Amino acid sequence: IIHLINSVQSKNLTLTTAIILLSVLSIIY
């Protein structure tokens, strides 16, 4: 969530960022 908030604030949210964050989240979950 902190990474997503930072990406949105810096207007740097890309598909690559979303895929990596979602994959890390799902692997650890």
mmCIF file of all heavy atoms, coordinates in Angstrom:
data_MODEL
# 
_entry.id   MODEL 
# 
loop_
_atom_site.group_PDB 
_atom_site.id 
_atom_site.type_symbol 
_atom_site.label_atom_id 
_atom_site.label_alt_id 
_atom_site.label_comp_id 
_atom_site.label_asym_id 
_atom_site.label_entity_id 
_atom_site.label_seq_id 
_atom_site.pdbx_PDB_ins_code 
_atom_site.Cartn_x 
_atom_site.Cartn_y 
_atom_site.Cartn_z 
_atom_site.occupancy 
_atom_site.B_iso_or_equiv 
_atom_site.pdbx_formal_charge 
_atom_site.auth_seq_id 
_atom_site.auth_comp_id 
_atom_site.auth_asym_id 
_atom_site.auth_atom_id 
_atom_site.pdbx_PDB_model_num 
ATOM 1   N N   . ILE A 1 1  ? 0.841  -1.206  0.000   1.00 0.00 ? 1  ILE A N   1 
ATOM 2   C CA  . ILE A 1 1  ? 0.000  0.000   0.000   1.00 0.00 ? 1  ILE A CA  1 
ATOM 3   C C   . ILE A 1 1  ? 0.875  1.255   0.000   1.00 0.00 ? 1  ILE A C   1 
ATOM 4   O O   . ILE A 1 1  ? 0.582  2.221   -0.728  1.00 0.00 ? 1  ILE A O   1 
ATOM 5   C CB  . ILE A 1 1  ? -0.977 -0.018  1.192   1.00 0.00 ? 1  ILE A CB  1 
ATOM 6   C CG1 . ILE A 1 1  ? -2.064 -1.050  0.938   1.00 0.00 ? 1  ILE A CG1 1 
ATOM 7   C CG2 . ILE A 1 1  ? -1.599 1.355   1.415   1.00 0.00 ? 1  ILE A CG2 1 
ATOM 8   C CD1 . ILE A 1 1  ? -2.995 -1.275  2.106   1.00 0.00 ? 1  ILE A CD1 1 
ATOM 9   N N   . ILE A 1 2  ? 1.946  1.263   0.767   1.00 0.00 ? 2  ILE A N   1 
ATOM 10  C CA  . ILE A 1 2  ? 2.853  2.421   0.767   1.00 0.00 ? 2  ILE A CA  1 
ATOM 11  C C   . ILE A 1 2  ? 3.489  2.598   -0.608  1.00 0.00 ? 2  ILE A C   1 
ATOM 12  O O   . ILE A 1 2  ? 3.598  3.726   -1.112  1.00 0.00 ? 2  ILE A O   1 
ATOM 13  C CB  . ILE A 1 2  ? 3.917  2.275   1.872   1.00 0.00 ? 2  ILE A CB  1 
ATOM 14  C CG1 . ILE A 1 2  ? 3.279  2.418   3.247   1.00 0.00 ? 2  ILE A CG1 1 
ATOM 15  C CG2 . ILE A 1 2  ? 5.020  3.323   1.704   1.00 0.00 ? 2  ILE A CG2 1 
ATOM 16  C CD1 . ILE A 1 2  ? 4.216  2.126   4.395   1.00 0.00 ? 2  ILE A CD1 1 
ATOM 17  N N   . HIS A 1 3  ? 3.902  1.501   -1.237  1.00 0.00 ? 3  HIS A N   1 
ATOM 18  C CA  . HIS A 1 3  ? 4.466  1.597   -2.587  1.00 0.00 ? 3  HIS A CA  1 
ATOM 19  C C   . HIS A 1 3  ? 3.436  2.133   -3.581  1.00 0.00 ? 3  HIS A C   1 
ATOM 20  O O   . HIS A 1 3  ? 3.770  2.961   -4.440  1.00 0.00 ? 3  HIS A O   1 
ATOM 21  C CB  . HIS A 1 3  ? 4.980  0.245   -3.060  1.00 0.00 ? 3  HIS A CB  1 
ATOM 22  C CG  . HIS A 1 3  ? 6.401  -0.016  -2.711  1.00 0.00 ? 3  HIS A CG  1 
ATOM 23  N ND1 . HIS A 1 3  ? 7.448  0.690   -3.231  1.00 0.00 ? 3  HIS A ND1 1 
ATOM 24  C CD2 . HIS A 1 3  ? 6.963  -0.929  -1.883  1.00 0.00 ? 3  HIS A CD2 1 
ATOM 25  C CE1 . HIS A 1 3  ? 8.582  0.238   -2.749  1.00 0.00 ? 3  HIS A CE1 1 
ATOM 26  N NE2 . HIS A 1 3  ? 8.309  -0.758  -1.919  1.00 0.00 ? 3  HIS A NE2 1 
ATOM 27  N N   . LEU A 1 4  ? 2.194  1.673   -3.494  1.00 0.00 ? 4  LEU A N   1 
ATOM 28  C CA  . LEU A 1 4  ? 1.157  2.162   -4.401  1.00 0.00 ? 4  LEU A CA  1 
ATOM 29  C C   . LEU A 1 4  ? 0.870  3.644   -4.188  1.00 0.00 ? 4  LEU A C   1 
ATOM 30  O O   . LEU A 1 4  ? 0.728  4.404   -5.153  1.00 0.00 ? 4  LEU A O   1 
ATOM 31  C CB  . LEU A 1 4  ? -0.127 1.350   -4.220  1.00 0.00 ? 4  LEU A CB  1 
ATOM 32  C CG  . LEU A 1 4  ? -0.150 -0.025  -4.859  1.00 0.00 ? 4  LEU A CG  1 
ATOM 33  C CD1 . LEU A 1 4  ? -1.428 -0.767  -4.496  1.00 0.00 ? 4  LEU A CD1 1 
ATOM 34  C CD2 . LEU A 1 4  ? -0.024 0.085   -6.366  1.00 0.00 ? 4  LEU A CD2 1 
ATOM 35  N N   . ILE A 1 5  ? 0.786  4.058   -2.936  1.00 0.00 ? 5  ILE A N   1 
ATOM 36  C CA  . ILE A 1 5  ? 0.548  5.473   -2.644  1.00 0.00 ? 5  ILE A CA  1 
ATOM 37  C C   . ILE A 1 5  ? 1.689  6.327   -3.176  1.00 0.00 ? 5  ILE A C   1 
ATOM 38  O O   . ILE A 1 5  ? 1.464  7.385   -3.778  1.00 0.00 ? 5  ILE A O   1 
ATOM 39  C CB  . ILE A 1 5  ? 0.346  5.683   -1.118  1.00 0.00 ? 5  ILE A CB  1 
ATOM 40  C CG1 . ILE A 1 5  ? -0.993 5.100   -0.695  1.00 0.00 ? 5  ILE A CG1 1 
ATOM 41  C CG2 . ILE A 1 5  ? 0.425  7.160   -0.749  1.00 0.00 ? 5  ILE A CG2 1 
ATOM 42  C CD1 . ILE A 1 5  ? -1.203 5.051   0.797   1.00 0.00 ? 5  ILE A CD1 1 
ATOM 43  N N   . ASN A 1 6  ? 2.915  5.870   -2.988  1.00 0.00 ? 6  ASN A N   1 
ATOM 44  C CA  . ASN A 1 6  ? 4.068  6.610   -3.484  1.00 0.00 ? 6  ASN A CA  1 
ATOM 45  C C   . ASN A 1 6  ? 4.065  6.683   -5.015  1.00 0.00 ? 6  ASN A C   1 
ATOM 46  O O   . ASN A 1 6  ? 4.389  7.718   -5.592  1.00 0.00 ? 6  ASN A O   1 
ATOM 47  C CB  . ASN A 1 6  ? 5.361  5.990   -2.987  1.00 0.00 ? 6  ASN A CB  1 
ATOM 48  C CG  . ASN A 1 6  ? 6.559  6.796   -3.374  1.00 0.00 ? 6  ASN A CG  1 
ATOM 49  O OD1 . ASN A 1 6  ? 6.515  8.017   -3.357  1.00 0.00 ? 6  ASN A OD1 1 
ATOM 50  N ND2 . ASN A 1 6  ? 7.638  6.132   -3.744  1.00 0.00 ? 6  ASN A ND2 1 
ATOM 51  N N   . SER A 1 7  ? 3.691  5.593   -5.673  1.00 0.00 ? 7  SER A N   1 
ATOM 52  C CA  . SER A 1 7  ? 3.650  5.592   -7.132  1.00 0.00 ? 7  SER A CA  1 
ATOM 53  C C   . SER A 1 7  ? 2.574  6.520   -7.675  1.00 0.00 ? 7  SER A C   1 
ATOM 54  O O   . SER A 1 7  ? 2.780  7.204   -8.676  1.00 0.00 ? 7  SER A O   1 
ATOM 55  C CB  . SER A 1 7  ? 3.407  4.176   -7.655  1.00 0.00 ? 7  SER A CB  1 
ATOM 56  O OG  . SER A 1 7  ? 4.475  3.341   -7.321  1.00 0.00 ? 7  SER A OG  1 
ATOM 57  N N   . VAL A 1 8  ? 1.436  6.551   -7.016  1.00 0.00 ? 8  VAL A N   1 
ATOM 58  C CA  . VAL A 1 8  ? 0.364  7.436   -7.454  1.00 0.00 ? 8  VAL A CA  1 
ATOM 59  C C   . VAL A 1 8  ? 0.738  8.894   -7.208  1.00 0.00 ? 8  VAL A C   1 
ATOM 60  O O   . VAL A 1 8  ? 0.494  9.753   -8.058  1.00 0.00 ? 8  VAL A O   1 
ATOM 61  C CB  . VAL A 1 8  ? -0.963 7.064   -6.748  1.00 0.00 ? 8  VAL A CB  1 
ATOM 62  C CG1 . VAL A 1 8  ? -2.025 8.113   -6.974  1.00 0.00 ? 8  VAL A CG1 1 
ATOM 63  C CG2 . VAL A 1 8  ? -1.445 5.707   -7.233  1.00 0.00 ? 8  VAL A CG2 1 
ATOM 64  N N   . GLN A 1 9  ? 1.349  9.193   -6.062  1.00 0.00 ? 9  GLN A N   1 
ATOM 65  C CA  . GLN A 1 9  ? 1.744  10.567  -5.766  1.00 0.00 ? 9  GLN A CA  1 
ATOM 66  C C   . GLN A 1 9  ? 2.814  11.073  -6.710  1.00 0.00 ? 9  GLN A C   1 
ATOM 67  O O   . GLN A 1 9  ? 2.800  12.237  -7.096  1.00 0.00 ? 9  GLN A O   1 
ATOM 68  C CB  . GLN A 1 9  ? 2.241  10.680  -4.324  1.00 0.00 ? 9  GLN A CB  1 
ATOM 69  C CG  . GLN A 1 9  ? 1.143  10.662  -3.305  1.00 0.00 ? 9  GLN A CG  1 
ATOM 70  C CD  . GLN A 1 9  ? 1.682  10.767  -1.887  1.00 0.00 ? 9  GLN A CD  1 
ATOM 71  O OE1 . GLN A 1 9  ? 2.871  10.624  -1.653  1.00 0.00 ? 9  GLN A OE1 1 
ATOM 72  N NE2 . GLN A 1 9  ? 0.786  11.010  -0.944  1.00 0.00 ? 9  GLN A NE2 1 
ATOM 73  N N   . SER A 1 10 ? 3.739  10.220  -7.098  1.00 0.00 ? 10 SER A N   1 
ATOM 74  C CA  . SER A 1 10 ? 4.801  10.640  -8.008  1.00 0.00 ? 10 SER A CA  1 
ATOM 75  C C   . SER A 1 10 ? 4.394  10.490  -9.476  1.00 0.00 ? 10 SER A C   1 
ATOM 76  O O   . SER A 1 10 ? 5.198  10.750  -10.365 1.00 0.00 ? 10 SER A O   1 
ATOM 77  C CB  . SER A 1 10 ? 6.076  9.838   -7.747  1.00 0.00 ? 10 SER A CB  1 
ATOM 78  O OG  . SER A 1 10 ? 5.870  8.481   -8.064  1.00 0.00 ? 10 SER A OG  1 
ATOM 79  N N   . LYS A 1 11 ? 3.137  10.101  -9.716  1.00 0.00 ? 11 LYS A N   1 
ATOM 80  C CA  . LYS A 1 11 ? 2.594  9.898   -11.065 1.00 0.00 ? 11 LYS A CA  1 
ATOM 81  C C   . LYS A 1 11 ? 3.470  8.957   -11.879 1.00 0.00 ? 11 LYS A C   1 
ATOM 82  O O   . LYS A 1 11 ? 3.766  9.200   -13.042 1.00 0.00 ? 11 LYS A O   1 
ATOM 83  C CB  . LYS A 1 11 ? 2.424  11.235  -11.768 1.00 0.00 ? 11 LYS A CB  1 
ATOM 84  C CG  . LYS A 1 11 ? 1.425  12.125  -11.085 1.00 0.00 ? 11 LYS A CG  1 
ATOM 85  C CD  . LYS A 1 11 ? 1.299  13.465  -11.747 1.00 0.00 ? 11 LYS A CD  1 
ATOM 86  C CE  . LYS A 1 11 ? 0.313  14.297  -10.953 1.00 0.00 ? 11 LYS A CE  1 
ATOM 87  N NZ  . LYS A 1 11 ? 0.357  15.688  -11.329 1.00 0.00 ? 11 LYS A NZ  1 
ATOM 88  N N   . ASN A 1 12 ? 3.886  7.887   -11.226 1.00 0.00 ? 12 ASN A N   1 
ATOM 89  C CA  . ASN A 1 12 ? 4.785  6.918   -11.833 1.00 0.00 ? 12 ASN A CA  1 
ATOM 90  C C   . ASN A 1 12 ? 4.207  5.504   -11.785 1.00 0.00 ? 12 ASN A C   1 
ATOM 91  O O   . ASN A 1 12 ? 4.938  4.542   -11.876 1.00 0.00 ? 12 ASN A O   1 
ATOM 92  C CB  . ASN A 1 12 ? 6.147  6.965   -11.115 1.00 0.00 ? 12 ASN A CB  1 
ATOM 93  C CG  . ASN A 1 12 ? 7.224  6.296   -11.912 1.00 0.00 ? 12 ASN A CG  1 
ATOM 94  O OD1 . ASN A 1 12 ? 7.096  6.103   -13.108 1.00 0.00 ? 12 ASN A OD1 1 
ATOM 95  N ND2 . ASN A 1 12 ? 8.289  5.917   -11.228 1.00 0.00 ? 12 ASN A ND2 1 
ATOM 96  N N   . LEU A 1 13 ? 2.894  5.400   -11.643 1.00 0.00 ? 13 LEU A N   1 
ATOM 97  C CA  . LEU A 1 13 ? 2.256  4.083   -11.567 1.00 0.00 ? 13 LEU A CA  1 
ATOM 98  C C   . LEU A 1 13 ? 2.113  3.521   -12.974 1.00 0.00 ? 13 LEU A C   1 
ATOM 99  O O   . LEU A 1 13 ? 1.392  4.060   -13.800 1.00 0.00 ? 13 LEU A O   1 
ATOM 100 C CB  . LEU A 1 13 ? 0.894  4.174   -10.885 1.00 0.00 ? 13 LEU A CB  1 
ATOM 101 C CG  . LEU A 1 13 ? 0.162  2.864   -10.674 1.00 0.00 ? 13 LEU A CG  1 
ATOM 102 C CD1 . LEU A 1 13 ? 0.955  1.970   -9.735  1.00 0.00 ? 13 LEU A CD1 1 
ATOM 103 C CD2 . LEU A 1 13 ? -1.209 3.099   -10.119 1.00 0.00 ? 13 LEU A CD2 1 
ATOM 104 N N   . THR A 1 14 ? 2.839  2.442   -13.227 1.00 0.00 ? 14 THR A N   1 
ATOM 105 C CA  . THR A 1 14 ? 2.784  1.798   -14.534 1.00 0.00 ? 14 THR A CA  1 
ATOM 106 C C   . THR A 1 14 ? 2.278  0.374   -14.361 1.00 0.00 ? 14 THR A C   1 
ATOM 107 O O   . THR A 1 14 ? 2.121  -0.117  -13.240 1.00 0.00 ? 14 THR A O   1 
ATOM 108 C CB  . THR A 1 14 ? 4.177  1.773   -15.189 1.00 0.00 ? 14 THR A CB  1 
ATOM 109 O OG1 . THR A 1 14 ? 5.065  1.028   -14.353 1.00 0.00 ? 14 THR A OG1 1 
ATOM 110 C CG2 . THR A 1 14 ? 4.713  3.176   -15.391 1.00 0.00 ? 14 THR A CG2 1 
ATOM 111 N N   . LEU A 1 15 ? 2.053  -0.284  -15.486 1.00 0.00 ? 15 LEU A N   1 
ATOM 112 C CA  . LEU A 1 15 ? 1.620  -1.669  -15.451 1.00 0.00 ? 15 LEU A CA  1 
ATOM 113 C C   . LEU A 1 15 ? 2.699  -2.558  -14.836 1.00 0.00 ? 15 LEU A C   1 
ATOM 114 O O   . LEU A 1 15 ? 2.400  -3.490  -14.097 1.00 0.00 ? 15 LEU A O   1 
ATOM 115 C CB  . LEU A 1 15 ? 1.271  -2.146  -16.862 1.00 0.00 ? 15 LEU A CB  1 
ATOM 116 C CG  . LEU A 1 15 ? 0.759  -3.564  -16.985 1.00 0.00 ? 15 LEU A CG  1 
ATOM 117 C CD1 . LEU A 1 15 ? -0.559 -3.715  -16.256 1.00 0.00 ? 15 LEU A CD1 1 
ATOM 118 C CD2 . LEU A 1 15 ? 0.619  -3.954  -18.433 1.00 0.00 ? 15 LEU A CD2 1 
ATOM 119 N N   . THR A 1 16 ? 3.943  -2.237  -15.111 1.00 0.00 ? 16 THR A N   1 
ATOM 120 C CA  . THR A 1 16 ? 5.060  -3.005  -14.553 1.00 0.00 ? 16 THR A CA  1 
ATOM 121 C C   . THR A 1 16 ? 5.068  -2.926  -13.031 1.00 0.00 ? 16 THR A C   1 
ATOM 122 O O   . THR A 1 16 ? 5.233  -3.933  -12.345 1.00 0.00 ? 16 THR A O   1 
ATOM 123 C CB  . THR A 1 16 ? 6.393  -2.477  -15.112 1.00 0.00 ? 16 THR A CB  1 
ATOM 124 O OG1 . THR A 1 16 ? 6.336  -2.519  -16.530 1.00 0.00 ? 16 THR A OG1 1 
ATOM 125 C CG2 . THR A 1 16 ? 7.552  -3.278  -14.615 1.00 0.00 ? 16 THR A CG2 1 
ATOM 126 N N   . THR A 1 17 ? 4.881  -1.725  -12.505 1.00 0.00 ? 17 THR A N   1 
ATOM 127 C CA  . THR A 1 17 ? 4.849  -1.539  -11.051 1.00 0.00 ? 17 THR A CA  1 
ATOM 128 C C   . THR A 1 17 ? 3.695  -2.321  -10.437 1.00 0.00 ? 17 THR A C   1 
ATOM 129 O O   . THR A 1 17 ? 3.871  -2.991  -9.418  1.00 0.00 ? 17 THR A O   1 
ATOM 130 C CB  . THR A 1 17 ? 4.705  -0.050  -10.715 1.00 0.00 ? 17 THR A CB  1 
ATOM 131 O OG1 . THR A 1 17 ? 5.739  0.684   -11.364 1.00 0.00 ? 17 THR A OG1 1 
ATOM 132 C CG2 . THR A 1 17 ? 4.772  0.194   -9.228  1.00 0.00 ? 17 THR A CG2 1 
ATOM 133 N N   . ALA A 1 18 ? 2.540  -2.235  -11.063 1.00 0.00 ? 18 ALA A N   1 
ATOM 134 C CA  . ALA A 1 18 ? 1.371  -2.933  -10.532 1.00 0.00 ? 18 ALA A CA  1 
ATOM 135 C C   . ALA A 1 18 ? 1.555  -4.448  -10.566 1.00 0.00 ? 18 ALA A C   1 
ATOM 136 O O   . ALA A 1 18 ? 1.186  -5.141  -9.611  1.00 0.00 ? 18 ALA A O   1 
ATOM 137 C CB  . ALA A 1 18 ? 0.124  -2.529  -11.323 1.00 0.00 ? 18 ALA A CB  1 
ATOM 138 N N   . ILE A 1 19 ? 2.147  -4.965  -11.639 1.00 0.00 ? 19 ILE A N   1 
ATOM 139 C CA  . ILE A 1 19 ? 2.357  -6.413  -11.751 1.00 0.00 ? 19 ILE A CA  1 
ATOM 140 C C   . ILE A 1 19 ? 3.328  -6.904  -10.682 1.00 0.00 ? 19 ILE A C   1 
ATOM 141 O O   . ILE A 1 19 ? 3.082  -7.920  -10.018 1.00 0.00 ? 19 ILE A O   1 
ATOM 142 C CB  . ILE A 1 19 ? 2.850  -6.791  -13.156 1.00 0.00 ? 19 ILE A CB  1 
ATOM 143 C CG1 . ILE A 1 19 ? 1.711  -6.684  -14.162 1.00 0.00 ? 19 ILE A CG1 1 
ATOM 144 C CG2 . ILE A 1 19 ? 3.408  -8.209  -13.187 1.00 0.00 ? 19 ILE A CG2 1 
ATOM 145 C CD1 . ILE A 1 19 ? 2.134  -6.923  -15.592 1.00 0.00 ? 19 ILE A CD1 1 
ATOM 146 N N   . ILE A 1 20 ? 4.418  -6.183  -10.484 1.00 0.00 ? 20 ILE A N   1 
ATOM 147 C CA  . ILE A 1 20 ? 5.407  -6.609  -9.479  1.00 0.00 ? 20 ILE A CA  1 
ATOM 148 C C   . ILE A 1 20 ? 4.816  -6.553  -8.072  1.00 0.00 ? 20 ILE A C   1 
ATOM 149 O O   . ILE A 1 20 ? 4.988  -7.482  -7.275  1.00 0.00 ? 20 ILE A O   1 
ATOM 150 C CB  . ILE A 1 20 ? 6.681  -5.758  -9.585  1.00 0.00 ? 20 ILE A CB  1 
ATOM 151 C CG1 . ILE A 1 20 ? 7.455  -6.150  -10.824 1.00 0.00 ? 20 ILE A CG1 1 
ATOM 152 C CG2 . ILE A 1 20 ? 7.567  -5.898  -8.369  1.00 0.00 ? 20 ILE A CG2 1 
ATOM 153 C CD1 . ILE A 1 20 ? 7.930  -7.586  -10.815 1.00 0.00 ? 20 ILE A CD1 1 
ATOM 154 N N   . LEU A 1 21 ? 4.124  -5.477  -7.747  1.00 0.00 ? 21 LEU A N   1 
ATOM 155 C CA  . LEU A 1 21 ? 3.537  -5.368  -6.409  1.00 0.00 ? 21 LEU A CA  1 
ATOM 156 C C   . LEU A 1 21 ? 2.470  -6.438  -6.180  1.00 0.00 ? 21 LEU A C   1 
ATOM 157 O O   . LEU A 1 21 ? 2.404  -7.035  -5.100  1.00 0.00 ? 21 LEU A O   1 
ATOM 158 C CB  . LEU A 1 21 ? 2.951  -3.966  -6.203  1.00 0.00 ? 21 LEU A CB  1 
ATOM 159 C CG  . LEU A 1 21 ? 3.972  -2.843  -6.059  1.00 0.00 ? 21 LEU A CG  1 
ATOM 160 C CD1 . LEU A 1 21 ? 3.267  -1.497  -5.981  1.00 0.00 ? 21 LEU A CD1 1 
ATOM 161 C CD2 . LEU A 1 21 ? 4.847  -3.054  -4.850  1.00 0.00 ? 21 LEU A CD2 1 
ATOM 162 N N   . LEU A 1 22 ? 1.659  -6.697  -7.187  1.00 0.00 ? 22 LEU A N   1 
ATOM 163 C CA  . LEU A 1 22 ? 0.635  -7.729  -7.051  1.00 0.00 ? 22 LEU A CA  1 
ATOM 164 C C   . LEU A 1 22 ? 1.249  -9.114  -6.933  1.00 0.00 ? 22 LEU A C   1 
ATOM 165 O O   . LEU A 1 22 ? 0.766  -9.957  -6.163  1.00 0.00 ? 22 LEU A O   1 
ATOM 166 C CB  . LEU A 1 22 ? -0.331 -7.672  -8.233  1.00 0.00 ? 22 LEU A CB  1 
ATOM 167 C CG  . LEU A 1 22 ? -1.538 -8.586  -8.164  1.00 0.00 ? 22 LEU A CG  1 
ATOM 168 C CD1 . LEU A 1 22 ? -2.406 -8.212  -6.965  1.00 0.00 ? 22 LEU A CD1 1 
ATOM 169 C CD2 . LEU A 1 22 ? -2.335 -8.496  -9.442  1.00 0.00 ? 22 LEU A CD2 1 
ATOM 170 N N   . SER A 1 23 ? 2.337  -9.352  -7.643  1.00 0.00 ? 23 SER A N   1 
ATOM 171 C CA  . SER A 1 23 ? 2.976  -10.671 -7.556  1.00 0.00 ? 23 SER A CA  1 
ATOM 172 C C   . SER A 1 23 ? 3.624  -10.883 -6.187  1.00 0.00 ? 23 SER A C   1 
ATOM 173 O O   . SER A 1 23 ? 3.504  -11.959 -5.607  1.00 0.00 ? 23 SER A O   1 
ATOM 174 C CB  . SER A 1 23 ? 4.003  -10.850 -8.667  1.00 0.00 ? 23 SER A CB  1 
ATOM 175 O OG  . SER A 1 23 ? 5.072  -9.959  -8.500  1.00 0.00 ? 23 SER A OG  1 
ATOM 176 N N   . VAL A 1 24 ? 4.284  -9.856  -5.663  1.00 0.00 ? 24 VAL A N   1 
ATOM 177 C CA  . VAL A 1 24 ? 4.878  -9.967  -4.319  1.00 0.00 ? 24 VAL A CA  1 
ATOM 178 C C   . VAL A 1 24 ? 3.778  -10.203 -3.285  1.00 0.00 ? 24 VAL A C   1 
ATOM 179 O O   . VAL A 1 24 ? 3.907  -11.063 -2.408  1.00 0.00 ? 24 VAL A O   1 
ATOM 180 C CB  . VAL A 1 24 ? 5.695  -8.703  -3.983  1.00 0.00 ? 24 VAL A CB  1 
ATOM 181 C CG1 . VAL A 1 24 ? 6.042  -8.636  -2.515  1.00 0.00 ? 24 VAL A CG1 1 
ATOM 182 C CG2 . VAL A 1 24 ? 6.951  -8.647  -4.827  1.00 0.00 ? 24 VAL A CG2 1 
ATOM 183 N N   . LEU A 1 25 ? 2.700  -9.463  -3.414  1.00 0.00 ? 25 LEU A N   1 
ATOM 184 C CA  . LEU A 1 25 ? 1.584  -9.611  -2.483  1.00 0.00 ? 25 LEU A CA  1 
ATOM 185 C C   . LEU A 1 25 ? 0.988  -11.016 -2.545  1.00 0.00 ? 25 LEU A C   1 
ATOM 186 O O   . LEU A 1 25 ? 0.774  -11.654 -1.509  1.00 0.00 ? 25 LEU A O   1 
ATOM 187 C CB  . LEU A 1 25 ? 0.508  -8.568  -2.805  1.00 0.00 ? 25 LEU A CB  1 
ATOM 188 C CG  . LEU A 1 25 ? -0.648 -8.442  -1.846  1.00 0.00 ? 25 LEU A CG  1 
ATOM 189 C CD1 . LEU A 1 25 ? -0.190 -7.753  -0.574  1.00 0.00 ? 25 LEU A CD1 1 
ATOM 190 C CD2 . LEU A 1 25 ? -1.770 -7.660  -2.478  1.00 0.00 ? 25 LEU A CD2 1 
ATOM 191 N N   . SER A 1 26 ? 0.773  -11.528 -3.740  1.00 0.00 ? 26 SER A N   1 
ATOM 192 C CA  . SER A 1 26 ? 0.141  -12.845 -3.844  1.00 0.00 ? 26 SER A CA  1 
ATOM 193 C C   . SER A 1 26 ? 1.075  -13.979 -3.437  1.00 0.00 ? 26 SER A C   1 
ATOM 194 O O   . SER A 1 26 ? 0.621  -14.972 -2.857  1.00 0.00 ? 26 SER A O   1 
ATOM 195 C CB  . SER A 1 26 ? -0.396 -13.072 -5.256  1.00 0.00 ? 26 SER A CB  1 
ATOM 196 O OG  . SER A 1 26 ? 0.645  -13.074 -6.182  1.00 0.00 ? 26 SER A OG  1 
ATOM 197 N N   . ILE A 1 27 ? 2.374  -13.848 -3.697  1.00 0.00 ? 27 ILE A N   1 
ATOM 198 C CA  . ILE A 1 27 ? 3.307  -14.898 -3.277  1.00 0.00 ? 27 ILE A CA  1 
ATOM 199 C C   . ILE A 1 27 ? 3.372  -14.980 -1.757  1.00 0.00 ? 27 ILE A C   1 
ATOM 200 O O   . ILE A 1 27 ? 3.273  -16.069 -1.174  1.00 0.00 ? 27 ILE A O   1 
ATOM 201 C CB  . ILE A 1 27 ? 4.706  -14.653 -3.879  1.00 0.00 ? 27 ILE A CB  1 
ATOM 202 C CG1 . ILE A 1 27 ? 4.702  -14.950 -5.368  1.00 0.00 ? 27 ILE A CG1 1 
ATOM 203 C CG2 . ILE A 1 27 ? 5.753  -15.510 -3.181  1.00 0.00 ? 27 ILE A CG2 1 
ATOM 204 C CD1 . ILE A 1 27 ? 5.963  -14.531 -6.076  1.00 0.00 ? 27 ILE A CD1 1 
ATOM 205 N N   . ILE A 1 28 ? 3.519  -13.858 -1.099  1.00 0.00 ? 28 ILE A N   1 
ATOM 206 C CA  . ILE A 1 28 ? 3.619  -13.877 0.369   1.00 0.00 ? 28 ILE A CA  1 
ATOM 207 C C   . ILE A 1 28 ? 2.283  -14.266 0.990   1.00 0.00 ? 28 ILE A C   1 
ATOM 208 O O   . ILE A 1 28 ? 2.241  -15.009 1.976   1.00 0.00 ? 28 ILE A O   1 
ATOM 209 C CB  . ILE A 1 28 ? 4.152  -12.532 0.886   1.00 0.00 ? 28 ILE A CB  1 
ATOM 210 C CG1 . ILE A 1 28 ? 5.597  -12.373 0.417   1.00 0.00 ? 28 ILE A CG1 1 
ATOM 211 C CG2 . ILE A 1 28 ? 4.067  -12.458 2.406   1.00 0.00 ? 28 ILE A CG2 1 
ATOM 212 C CD1 . ILE A 1 28 ? 6.272  -11.111 0.846   1.00 0.00 ? 28 ILE A CD1 1 
ATOM 213 N N   . TYR A 1 29 ? 1.160  -13.796 0.426   1.00 0.00 ? 29 TYR A N   1 
ATOM 214 C CA  . TYR A 1 29 ? -0.144 -14.242 0.916   1.00 0.00 ? 29 TYR A CA  1 
ATOM 215 C C   . TYR A 1 29 ? -0.281 -15.754 0.773   1.00 0.00 ? 29 TYR A C   1 
ATOM 216 O O   . TYR A 1 29 ? -0.767 -16.426 1.677   1.00 0.00 ? 29 TYR A O   1 
ATOM 217 C CB  . TYR A 1 29 ? -1.275 -13.559 0.135   1.00 0.00 ? 29 TYR A CB  1 
ATOM 218 C CG  . TYR A 1 29 ? -1.821 -12.310 0.760   1.00 0.00 ? 29 TYR A CG  1 
ATOM 219 C CD1 . TYR A 1 29 ? -0.988 -11.358 1.320   1.00 0.00 ? 29 TYR A CD1 1 
ATOM 220 C CD2 . TYR A 1 29 ? -3.185 -12.066 0.770   1.00 0.00 ? 29 TYR A CD2 1 
ATOM 221 C CE1 . TYR A 1 29 ? -1.493 -10.214 1.874   1.00 0.00 ? 29 TYR A CE1 1 
ATOM 222 C CE2 . TYR A 1 29 ? -3.697 -10.921 1.315   1.00 0.00 ? 29 TYR A CE2 1 
ATOM 223 C CZ  . TYR A 1 29 ? -2.855 -9.996  1.868   1.00 0.00 ? 29 TYR A CZ  1 
ATOM 224 O OH  . TYR A 1 29 ? -3.364 -8.866  2.417   1.00 0.00 ? 29 TYR A OH  1 
# 
